[in-house]
Amino acid sequence: MPIRAILWDNDGVLVDTEGLYFQATREVLGSIGVELTEAMYLQLFLVEARGAWHLAEEKGFPPAKVAALRERRGRRYLELVEQESRPLPGVDEALRALRPHFRMAVVTSSHADHFAAAHRSTGLLPLFEFVLTRECYGNCKPDPEPYLRAVERLALPREECLVIEDSERGLRAAKAAGLACWVIPHGLSRHGSFAAADRVLGSISDVARELVPAP
């Protein structure tokens, strides 16, 4: 079946925010003497989707303190996004080339306030039919639920939907949902394992070149 819809991950695919999330988490954990390296972040967040708050628990911090640290990280991340978030190179051009040919939506693990801050000045949101943020589903990637919800909303066969991701966690979610998935490794996710991907591309511009008919 031909592809009729594209489901986009957000962080690390459309906007350059993954490094900001790492920075905010590293700063907060560092304030209690826990070092979070890039390799640890990749494994705990982008592969296992486990997070790193167990590292605080292992140092003896009670649940209330850990919850406070999570809230502090959320505030710091929002500050960084408002200051530094920007679309990745080629995103605007690629999305505008694809929009006349495909239905498009965003499926993100970001909370609604963080997503809104990241896109406050991108001008990209009118290009999407809908956005599913963390509040829109119960189980986060790598669980397939986010993508299953999106396919249900599109009311299309799974064979007609394509996912664009940048992380192992997102790839696992897409494949568990029975969807084709192209991966664009970026930044912190570049050392991931993407053997299960249908395609591994160098940039979002490659997606448009592959899918948009030549004039």
C-alpha atoms as a PDB file:
ATOM      1  CA  MET A   1       0.000   0.000   0.000  1.00  0.00           C
ATOM      2  CA  PRO A   2       1.211   3.539  -0.671  1.00  0.00           C
ATOM      3  CA  ILE A   3       2.138   5.771   2.247  1.00  0.00           C
ATOM      4  CA  ARG A   4      -0.624   8.266   2.996  1.00  0.00           C
ATOM      5  CA  ALA A   5       0.396   9.614   6.401  1.00  0.00           C
ATOM      6  CA  ILE A   6       3.634  10.487   8.201  1.00  0.00           C
ATOM      7  CA  LEU A   7       3.878  10.416  11.999  1.00  0.00           C
ATOM      8  CA  TRP A   8       6.724  12.552  13.286  1.00  0.00           C
ATOM      9  CA  ASP A   9       8.606  12.350  16.545  1.00  0.00           C
ATOM     10  CA  ASN A  10       9.410  15.840  17.800  1.00  0.00           C
ATOM     11  CA  ASP A  11      12.546  16.105  19.941  1.00  0.00           C
ATOM     12  CA  GLY A  12      15.634  15.437  17.856  1.00  0.00           C
ATOM     13  CA  VAL A  13      13.595  15.121  14.648  1.00  0.00           C
ATOM     14  CA  LEU A  14      11.809  18.455  14.248  1.00  0.00           C
ATOM     15  CA  VAL A  15      13.384  20.603  16.962  1.00  0.00           C
ATOM     16  CA  ASP A  16      16.837  20.555  18.530  1.00  0.00           C
ATOM     17  CA  THR A  17      15.799  19.914  22.138  1.00  0.00           C
ATOM     18  CA  GLU A  18      17.152  16.502  23.144  1.00  0.00           C
ATOM     19  CA  GLY A  19      20.436  18.000  24.279  1.00  0.00           C
ATOM     20  CA  LEU A  20      18.540  20.544  26.373  1.00  0.00           C
ATOM     21  CA  TYR A  21      16.666  17.765  28.191  1.00  0.00           C
ATOM     22  CA  PHE A  22      19.977  16.069  28.916  1.00  0.00           C
ATOM     23  CA  GLN A  23      21.439  19.343  30.166  1.00  0.00           C
ATOM     24  CA  ALA A  24      18.515  20.045  32.494  1.00  0.00           C
ATOM     25  CA  THR A  25      18.569  16.512  33.902  1.00  0.00           C
ATOM     26  CA  ARG A  26      22.337  16.521  34.321  1.00  0.00           C
ATOM     27  CA  GLU A  27      22.273  19.879  36.131  1.00  0.00           C
ATOM     28  CA  VAL A  28      19.614  18.791  38.608  1.00  0.00           C
ATOM     29  CA  LEU A  29      21.195  15.426  39.336  1.00  0.00           C
ATOM     30  CA  GLY A  30      24.585  17.099  39.611  1.00  0.00           C
ATOM     31  CA  SER A  31      23.221  19.325  42.374  1.00  0.00           C
ATOM     32  CA  ILE A  32      22.856  16.208  44.562  1.00  0.00           C
ATOM     33  CA  GLY A  33      26.185  14.682  43.586  1.00  0.00           C
ATOM     34  CA  VAL A  34      24.997  12.345  40.827  1.00  0.00           C
ATOM     35  CA  GLU A  35      26.929  12.480  37.558  1.00  0.00           C
ATOM     36  CA  LEU A  36      24.890  11.774  34.428  1.00  0.00           C
ATOM     37  CA  THR A  37      27.088  11.134  31.383  1.00  0.00           C
ATOM     38  CA  GLU A  38      25.998  11.175  27.741  1.00  0.00           C
ATOM     39  CA  ALA A  39      26.397   7.391  27.584  1.00  0.00           C
ATOM     40  CA  MET A  40      24.187   6.960  30.652  1.00  0.00           C
ATOM     41  CA  TYR A  41      21.576   9.316  29.220  1.00  0.00           C
ATOM     42  CA  LEU A  42      21.495   7.448  25.917  1.00  0.00           C
ATOM     43  CA  GLN A  43      20.949   4.117  27.631  1.00  0.00           C
ATOM     44  CA  LEU A  44      18.521   5.232  30.357  1.00  0.00           C
ATOM     45  CA  PHE A  45      16.416   7.672  28.340  1.00  0.00           C
ATOM     46  CA  LEU A  46      16.728   6.939  24.613  1.00  0.00           C
ATOM     47  CA  VAL A  47      17.011   3.145  24.800  1.00  0.00           C
ATOM     48  CA  GLU A  48      15.343   1.934  28.010  1.00  0.00           C
ATOM     49  CA  ALA A  49      13.021   4.931  28.576  1.00  0.00           C
ATOM     50  CA  ARG A  50      13.717   4.338  32.260  1.00  0.00           C
ATOM     51  CA  GLY A  51      14.825   7.819  33.264  1.00  0.00           C
ATOM     52  CA  ALA A  52      17.483   8.502  35.875  1.00  0.00           C
ATOM     53  CA  TRP A  53      15.630   9.243  39.099  1.00  0.00           C
ATOM     54  CA  HIS A  54      16.518   5.829  40.477  1.00  0.00           C
ATOM     55  CA  LEU A  55      20.051   7.233  40.753  1.00  0.00           C
ATOM     56  CA  ALA A  56      18.750   9.728  43.317  1.00  0.00           C
ATOM     57  CA  GLU A  57      16.817   6.993  45.100  1.00  0.00           C
ATOM     58  CA  GLU A  58      19.978   4.903  45.343  1.00  0.00           C
ATOM     59  CA  LYS A  59      21.629   7.791  47.201  1.00  0.00           C
ATOM     60  CA  GLY A  60      18.881   7.626  49.804  1.00  0.00           C
ATOM     61  CA  PHE A  61      16.625  10.469  48.685  1.00  0.00           C
ATOM     62  CA  PRO A  62      12.981   9.876  49.696  1.00  0.00           C
ATOM     63  CA  PRO A  63      10.111   9.933  47.162  1.00  0.00           C
ATOM     64  CA  ALA A  64       9.089  13.496  48.053  1.00  0.00           C
ATOM     65  CA  LYS A  65      12.607  14.786  47.385  1.00  0.00           C
ATOM     66  CA  VAL A  66      12.813  12.863  44.104  1.00  0.00           C
ATOM     67  CA  ALA A  67       9.461  14.337  43.035  1.00  0.00           C
ATOM     68  CA  ALA A  68      10.785  17.806  43.835  1.00  0.00           C
ATOM     69  CA  LEU A  69      13.878  17.136  41.729  1.00  0.00           C
ATOM     70  CA  ARG A  70      11.700  16.043  38.802  1.00  0.00           C
ATOM     71  CA  GLU A  71       9.691  19.251  39.046  1.00  0.00           C
ATOM     72  CA  ARG A  72      12.875  21.292  39.189  1.00  0.00           C
ATOM     73  CA  ARG A  73      14.188  19.527  36.089  1.00  0.00           C
ATOM     74  CA  GLY A  74      10.921  20.283  34.301  1.00  0.00           C
ATOM     75  CA  ARG A  75      11.192  23.981  35.111  1.00  0.00           C
ATOM     76  CA  ARG A  76      14.828  24.124  34.052  1.00  0.00           C
ATOM     77  CA  TYR A  77      14.085  22.306  30.799  1.00  0.00           C
ATOM     78  CA  LEU A  78      11.289  24.744  30.022  1.00  0.00           C
ATOM     79  CA  GLU A  79      13.684  27.641  30.587  1.00  0.00           C
ATOM     80  CA  LEU A  80      16.219  26.135  28.205  1.00  0.00           C
ATOM     81  CA  VAL A  81      13.611  25.384  25.549  1.00  0.00           C
ATOM     82  CA  GLU A  82      12.272  28.933  25.674  1.00  0.00           C
ATOM     83  CA  GLN A  83      15.801  30.299  25.314  1.00  0.00           C
ATOM     84  CA  GLU A  84      17.456  27.914  22.882  1.00  0.00           C
ATOM     85  CA  SER A  85      15.011  25.628  21.042  1.00  0.00           C
ATOM     86  CA  ARG A  86      15.080  25.871  17.260  1.00  0.00           C
ATOM     87  CA  PRO A  87      14.020  23.720  14.295  1.00  0.00           C
ATOM     88  CA  LEU A  88      16.670  21.366  13.004  1.00  0.00           C
ATOM     89  CA  PRO A  89      18.237  22.238   9.636  1.00  0.00           C
ATOM     90  CA  GLY A  90      16.005  21.570   6.651  1.00  0.00           C
ATOM     91  CA  VAL A  91      12.857  20.874   8.693  1.00  0.00           C
ATOM     92  CA  ASP A  92      10.734  23.740   7.392  1.00  0.00           C
ATOM     93  CA  GLU A  93      11.564  23.067   3.756  1.00  0.00           C
ATOM     94  CA  ALA A  94      11.038  19.314   4.037  1.00  0.00           C
ATOM     95  CA  LEU A  95       7.706  19.569   5.836  1.00  0.00           C
ATOM     96  CA  ARG A  96       6.361  22.102   3.352  1.00  0.00           C
ATOM     97  CA  ALA A  97       7.410  19.863   0.463  1.00  0.00           C
ATOM     98  CA  LEU A  98       5.701  16.843   2.042  1.00  0.00           C
ATOM     99  CA  ARG A  99       2.492  18.514   3.254  1.00  0.00           C
ATOM    100  CA  PRO A 100       0.676  18.610  -0.125  1.00  0.00           C
ATOM    101  CA  HIS A 101       1.184  14.862  -0.548  1.00  0.00           C
ATOM    102  CA  PHE A 102       0.710  13.374   2.927  1.00  0.00           C
ATOM    103  CA  ARG A 103      -1.349  13.729   6.063  1.00  0.00           C
ATOM    104  CA  MET A 104       1.030  14.564   8.898  1.00  0.00           C
ATOM    105  CA  ALA A 105       0.899  14.456  12.698  1.00  0.00           C
ATOM    106  CA  VAL A 106       3.302  14.658  15.630  1.00  0.00           C
ATOM    107  CA  VAL A 107       3.584  11.921  18.272  1.00  0.00           C
ATOM    108  CA  THR A 108       5.827  13.125  21.084  1.00  0.00           C
ATOM    109  CA  SER A 109       6.808  12.170  24.621  1.00  0.00           C
ATOM    110  CA  SER A 110       6.983  15.878  25.486  1.00  0.00           C
ATOM    111  CA  HIS A 111       4.439  17.404  27.807  1.00  0.00           C
ATOM    112  CA  ALA A 112       2.120  19.957  26.251  1.00  0.00           C
ATOM    113  CA  ASP A 113       3.773  22.996  27.853  1.00  0.00           C
ATOM    114  CA  HIS A 114       7.247  21.947  26.723  1.00  0.00           C
ATOM    115  CA  PHE A 115       5.995  21.176  23.219  1.00  0.00           C
ATOM    116  CA  ALA A 116       4.248  24.543  22.967  1.00  0.00           C
ATOM    117  CA  ALA A 117       7.385  26.356  24.112  1.00  0.00           C
ATOM    118  CA  ALA A 118       9.530  24.516  21.561  1.00  0.00           C
ATOM    119  CA  HIS A 119       7.184  25.536  18.736  1.00  0.00           C
ATOM    120  CA  ARG A 120       6.299  29.042  19.868  1.00  0.00           C
ATOM    121  CA  SER A 121       8.170  30.579  16.965  1.00  0.00           C
ATOM    122  CA  THR A 122       8.764  27.686  14.536  1.00  0.00           C
ATOM    123  CA  GLY A 123       5.676  28.280  12.382  1.00  0.00           C
ATOM    124  CA  LEU A 124       5.416  24.517  11.820  1.00  0.00           C
ATOM    125  CA  LEU A 125       2.253  23.583  13.694  1.00  0.00           C
ATOM    126  CA  PRO A 126      -0.232  24.488  10.900  1.00  0.00           C
ATOM    127  CA  LEU A 127       1.437  21.791   8.791  1.00  0.00           C
ATOM    128  CA  PHE A 128       0.188  19.016  11.097  1.00  0.00           C
ATOM    129  CA  GLU A 129      -3.290  17.543  11.323  1.00  0.00           C
ATOM    130  CA  PHE A 130      -2.914  16.915  15.066  1.00  0.00           C
ATOM    131  CA  VAL A 131      -0.358  16.540  17.857  1.00  0.00           C
ATOM    132  CA  LEU A 132      -0.304  13.859  20.563  1.00  0.00           C
ATOM    133  CA  THR A 133       1.670  14.984  23.620  1.00  0.00           C
ATOM    134  CA  ARG A 134       2.402  13.007  26.778  1.00  0.00           C
ATOM    135  CA  GLU A 135      -1.006  13.872  28.213  1.00  0.00           C
ATOM    136  CA  CYS A 136      -2.793  12.146  25.324  1.00  0.00           C
ATOM    137  CA  TYR A 137      -1.957   8.532  26.201  1.00  0.00           C
ATOM    138  CA  GLY A 138      -1.222   6.328  29.190  1.00  0.00           C
ATOM    139  CA  ASN A 139       1.990   4.488  28.292  1.00  0.00           C
ATOM    140  CA  CYS A 140       5.013   6.282  26.897  1.00  0.00           C
ATOM    141  CA  LYS A 141       7.390   5.102  24.144  1.00  0.00           C
ATOM    142  CA  PRO A 142       8.773   2.420  23.749  1.00  0.00           C
ATOM    143  CA  ASP A 143       5.236   1.191  24.401  1.00  0.00           C
ATOM    144  CA  PRO A 144       3.285   1.193  21.099  1.00  0.00           C
ATOM    145  CA  GLU A 145       0.294   3.031  22.590  1.00  0.00           C
ATOM    146  CA  PRO A 146       1.217   6.541  21.358  1.00  0.00           C
ATOM    147  CA  TYR A 147       1.478   5.387  17.762  1.00  0.00           C
ATOM    148  CA  LEU A 148      -1.567   3.148  17.991  1.00  0.00           C
ATOM    149  CA  ARG A 149      -3.572   6.148  19.200  1.00  0.00           C
ATOM    150  CA  ALA A 150      -2.316   8.186  16.256  1.00  0.00           C
ATOM    151  CA  VAL A 151      -3.190   5.505  13.702  1.00  0.00           C
ATOM    152  CA  GLU A 152      -6.642   5.160  15.245  1.00  0.00           C
ATOM    153  CA  ARG A 153      -7.176   8.905  14.913  1.00  0.00           C
ATOM    154  CA  LEU A 154      -6.030   8.886  11.300  1.00  0.00           C
ATOM    155  CA  ALA A 155      -8.413   5.983  10.559  1.00  0.00           C
ATOM    156  CA  LEU A 156      -5.926   4.521   8.101  1.00  0.00           C
ATOM    157  CA  PRO A 157      -4.446   1.028   7.739  1.00  0.00           C
ATOM    158  CA  ARG A 158      -1.097   0.728   9.485  1.00  0.00           C
ATOM    159  CA  GLU A 159       0.499  -0.138   6.158  1.00  0.00           C
ATOM    160  CA  GLU A 160      -0.289   3.383   4.940  1.00  0.00           C
ATOM    161  CA  CYS A 161       1.482   5.130   7.840  1.00  0.00           C
ATOM    162  CA  LEU A 162       5.179   5.906   8.176  1.00  0.00           C
ATOM    163  CA  VAL A 163       6.951   6.926  11.397  1.00  0.00           C
ATOM    164  CA  ILE A 164      10.007   9.189  11.485  1.00  0.00           C
ATOM    165  CA  GLU A 165      12.108   8.769  14.636  1.00  0.00           C
ATOM    166  CA  ASP A 166      15.596   9.450  15.944  1.00  0.00           C
ATOM    167  CA  SER A 167      15.941   7.105  18.937  1.00  0.00           C
ATOM    168  CA  GLU A 168      15.883   3.394  19.743  1.00  0.00           C
ATOM    169  CA  ARG A 169      12.992   4.013  22.133  1.00  0.00           C
ATOM    170  CA  GLY A 170      10.905   5.576  19.375  1.00  0.00           C
ATOM    171  CA  LEU A 171      11.872   2.916  16.850  1.00  0.00           C
ATOM    172  CA  ARG A 172      10.777   0.162  19.233  1.00  0.00           C
ATOM    173  CA  ALA A 173       7.443   1.909  19.791  1.00  0.00           C
ATOM    174  CA  ALA A 174       6.804   2.226  16.064  1.00  0.00           C
ATOM    175  CA  LYS A 175       7.709  -1.376  15.257  1.00  0.00           C
ATOM    176  CA  ALA A 176       5.665  -2.692  18.199  1.00  0.00           C
ATOM    177  CA  ALA A 177       2.717  -0.795  16.714  1.00  0.00           C
ATOM    178  CA  GLY A 178       3.252  -2.586  13.399  1.00  0.00           C
ATOM    179  CA  LEU A 179       4.422   0.520  11.547  1.00  0.00           C
ATOM    180  CA  ALA A 180       7.202   1.210   9.084  1.00  0.00           C
ATOM    181  CA  CYS A 181       9.834   3.446  10.661  1.00  0.00           C
ATOM    182  CA  TRP A 182      12.619   5.536   9.156  1.00  0.00           C
ATOM    183  CA  VAL A 183      15.259   6.770  11.580  1.00  0.00           C
ATOM    184  CA  ILE A 184      17.295   9.975  11.409  1.00  0.00           C
ATOM    185  CA  PRO A 185      19.978   9.657  14.115  1.00  0.00           C
ATOM    186  CA  HIS A 186      20.832  12.992  15.674  1.00  0.00           C
ATOM    187  CA  GLY A 187      22.981  14.265  18.504  1.00  0.00           C
ATOM    188  CA  LEU A 188      22.690  12.041  21.545  1.00  0.00           C
ATOM    189  CA  SER A 189      20.919   9.280  19.598  1.00  0.00           C
ATOM    190  CA  ARG A 190      23.616   8.934  16.932  1.00  0.00           C
ATOM    191  CA  HIS A 191      25.234   5.966  18.707  1.00  0.00           C
ATOM    192  CA  GLY A 192      22.004   3.972  18.896  1.00  0.00           C
ATOM    193  CA  SER A 193      21.291   0.613  17.309  1.00  0.00           C
ATOM    194  CA  PHE A 194      18.819   0.903  14.435  1.00  0.00           C
ATOM    195  CA  ALA A 195      18.978  -2.521  12.798  1.00  0.00           C
ATOM    196  CA  ALA A 196      15.180  -2.835  13.043  1.00  0.00           C
ATOM    197  CA  ALA A 197      14.567   0.403  11.105  1.00  0.00           C
ATOM    198  CA  ASP A 198      13.177   0.207   7.596  1.00  0.00           C
ATOM    199  CA  ARG A 199      15.548   2.994   6.568  1.00  0.00           C
ATOM    200  CA  VAL A 200      18.280   5.011   8.285  1.00  0.00           C
ATOM    201  CA  LEU A 201      18.667   8.458   6.729  1.00  0.00           C
ATOM    202  CA  GLY A 202      21.118  11.297   7.127  1.00  0.00           C
ATOM    203  CA  SER A 203      18.675  14.186   7.426  1.00  0.00           C
ATOM    204  CA  ILE A 204      15.035  15.187   7.195  1.00  0.00           C
ATOM    205  CA  SER A 205      15.758  16.493   3.699  1.00  0.00           C
ATOM    206  CA  ASP A 206      16.325  12.878   2.658  1.00  0.00           C
ATOM    207  CA  VAL A 207      12.746  12.046   3.707  1.00  0.00           C
ATOM    208  CA  ALA A 208      11.359  14.642   1.314  1.00  0.00           C
ATOM    209  CA  ARG A 209      13.666  13.523  -1.488  1.00  0.00           C
ATOM    210  CA  GLU A 210      12.564   9.912  -1.050  1.00  0.00           C
ATOM    211  CA  LEU A 211       8.830  10.574  -0.851  1.00  0.00           C
ATOM    212  CA  VAL A 212       7.982  13.641  -2.933  1.00  0.00           C
ATOM    213  CA  PRO A 213       7.473  12.907  -6.633  1.00  0.00           C
ATOM    214  CA  ALA A 214       9.949  14.595  -8.934  1.00  0.00           C
ATOM    215  CA  PRO A 215       8.433  17.482 -10.915  1.00  0.00           C
END
